[in-house]
């Protein structure tokens, strides 16, 4: 259970990282 929870956190952080990178590549101006 703990391993599954930590995996979910890892995937969420990975998704946030990709989102931040896409924001930098495509400025919302």
N, C-alpha and C. Protein backbone atom coordinates (compact mmCIF):
# COMPACT_ATOMS: atom_id res chain seq x y z
N UNK A 1 0.84 -1.21 0.00
CA UNK A 1 0.00 0.00 0.00
C UNK A 1 0.87 1.26 0.00
N UNK A 2 1.88 1.27 0.87
CA UNK A 2 2.75 2.44 0.95
C UNK A 2 3.48 2.63 -0.37
N UNK A 3 3.93 1.53 -0.98
CA UNK A 3 4.66 1.61 -2.24
C UNK A 3 3.75 2.19 -3.32
N UNK A 4 2.50 1.76 -3.35
CA UNK A 4 1.54 2.25 -4.35
C UNK A 4 1.29 3.74 -4.16
N UNK A 5 1.18 4.17 -2.91
CA UNK A 5 0.93 5.58 -2.61
C UNK A 5 2.11 6.44 -3.05
N UNK A 6 3.32 5.99 -2.76
CA UNK A 6 4.52 6.74 -3.16
C UNK A 6 4.64 6.79 -4.68
N UNK A 7 4.20 5.73 -5.36
CA UNK A 7 4.23 5.72 -6.82
C UNK A 7 3.26 6.76 -7.38
N UNK A 8 2.10 6.88 -6.76
CA UNK A 8 1.13 7.89 -7.19
C UNK A 8 1.72 9.29 -7.03
N UNK A 9 2.37 9.55 -5.89
CA UNK A 9 3.00 10.84 -5.65
C UNK A 9 4.06 11.11 -6.71
N UNK A 10 4.84 10.08 -7.06
CA UNK A 10 5.89 10.22 -8.07
C UNK A 10 5.28 10.59 -9.42
N UNK A 11 4.20 9.92 -9.81
CA UNK A 11 3.56 10.21 -11.10
C UNK A 11 2.97 11.61 -11.11
N UNK A 12 2.39 12.04 -9.98
CA UNK A 12 1.83 13.39 -9.90
C UNK A 12 2.94 14.43 -10.04
N UNK A 13 4.06 14.21 -9.35
CA UNK A 13 5.19 15.15 -9.44
C UNK A 13 5.75 15.17 -10.85
N UNK A 14 5.82 14.01 -11.50
CA UNK A 14 6.32 13.93 -12.87
C UNK A 14 5.39 14.71 -13.80
N UNK A 15 4.09 14.57 -13.61
CA UNK A 15 3.12 15.30 -14.42
C UNK A 15 3.25 16.79 -14.22
N UNK A 16 3.45 17.22 -12.97
CA UNK A 16 3.62 18.65 -12.68
C UNK A 16 4.88 19.18 -13.35
N UNK A 17 5.93 18.39 -13.37
CA UNK A 17 7.18 18.80 -14.00
C UNK A 17 6.98 19.00 -15.49
N UNK A 18 6.26 18.08 -16.15
CA UNK A 18 6.01 18.22 -17.58
C UNK A 18 5.15 19.45 -17.83
N UNK A 19 4.20 19.71 -16.93
CA UNK A 19 3.32 20.87 -17.09
C UNK A 19 4.12 22.16 -16.99
N UNK A 20 5.05 22.23 -16.03
CA UNK A 20 5.89 23.42 -15.88
C UNK A 20 6.77 23.61 -17.10
N UNK A 21 7.33 22.54 -17.63
CA UNK A 21 8.19 22.62 -18.81
C UNK A 21 7.39 23.13 -20.00
N UNK A 22 6.16 22.63 -20.17
CA UNK A 22 5.33 23.06 -21.29
C UNK A 22 4.94 24.53 -21.14
N UNK A 23 4.78 24.98 -19.89
CA UNK A 23 4.47 26.39 -19.66
C UNK A 23 5.65 27.26 -20.06
N UNK A 24 6.86 26.80 -19.77
CA UNK A 24 8.06 27.57 -20.13
C UNK A 24 8.23 27.59 -21.65
N UNK A 25 7.98 26.46 -22.30
CA UNK A 25 8.13 26.40 -23.76
C UNK A 25 7.07 27.24 -24.46
N UNK A 26 5.86 27.30 -23.88
CA UNK A 26 4.77 28.04 -24.50
C UNK A 26 4.26 29.12 -23.55
N UNK A 27 4.85 30.31 -23.55
CA UNK A 27 4.40 31.39 -22.68
C UNK A 27 2.96 31.76 -22.99
N UNK A 28 2.21 32.10 -21.95
CA UNK A 28 0.78 32.37 -22.12
C UNK A 28 0.52 33.84 -22.41
N UNK A 29 1.42 34.48 -23.13
CA UNK A 29 1.22 35.88 -23.47
C UNK A 29 0.42 36.00 -24.77
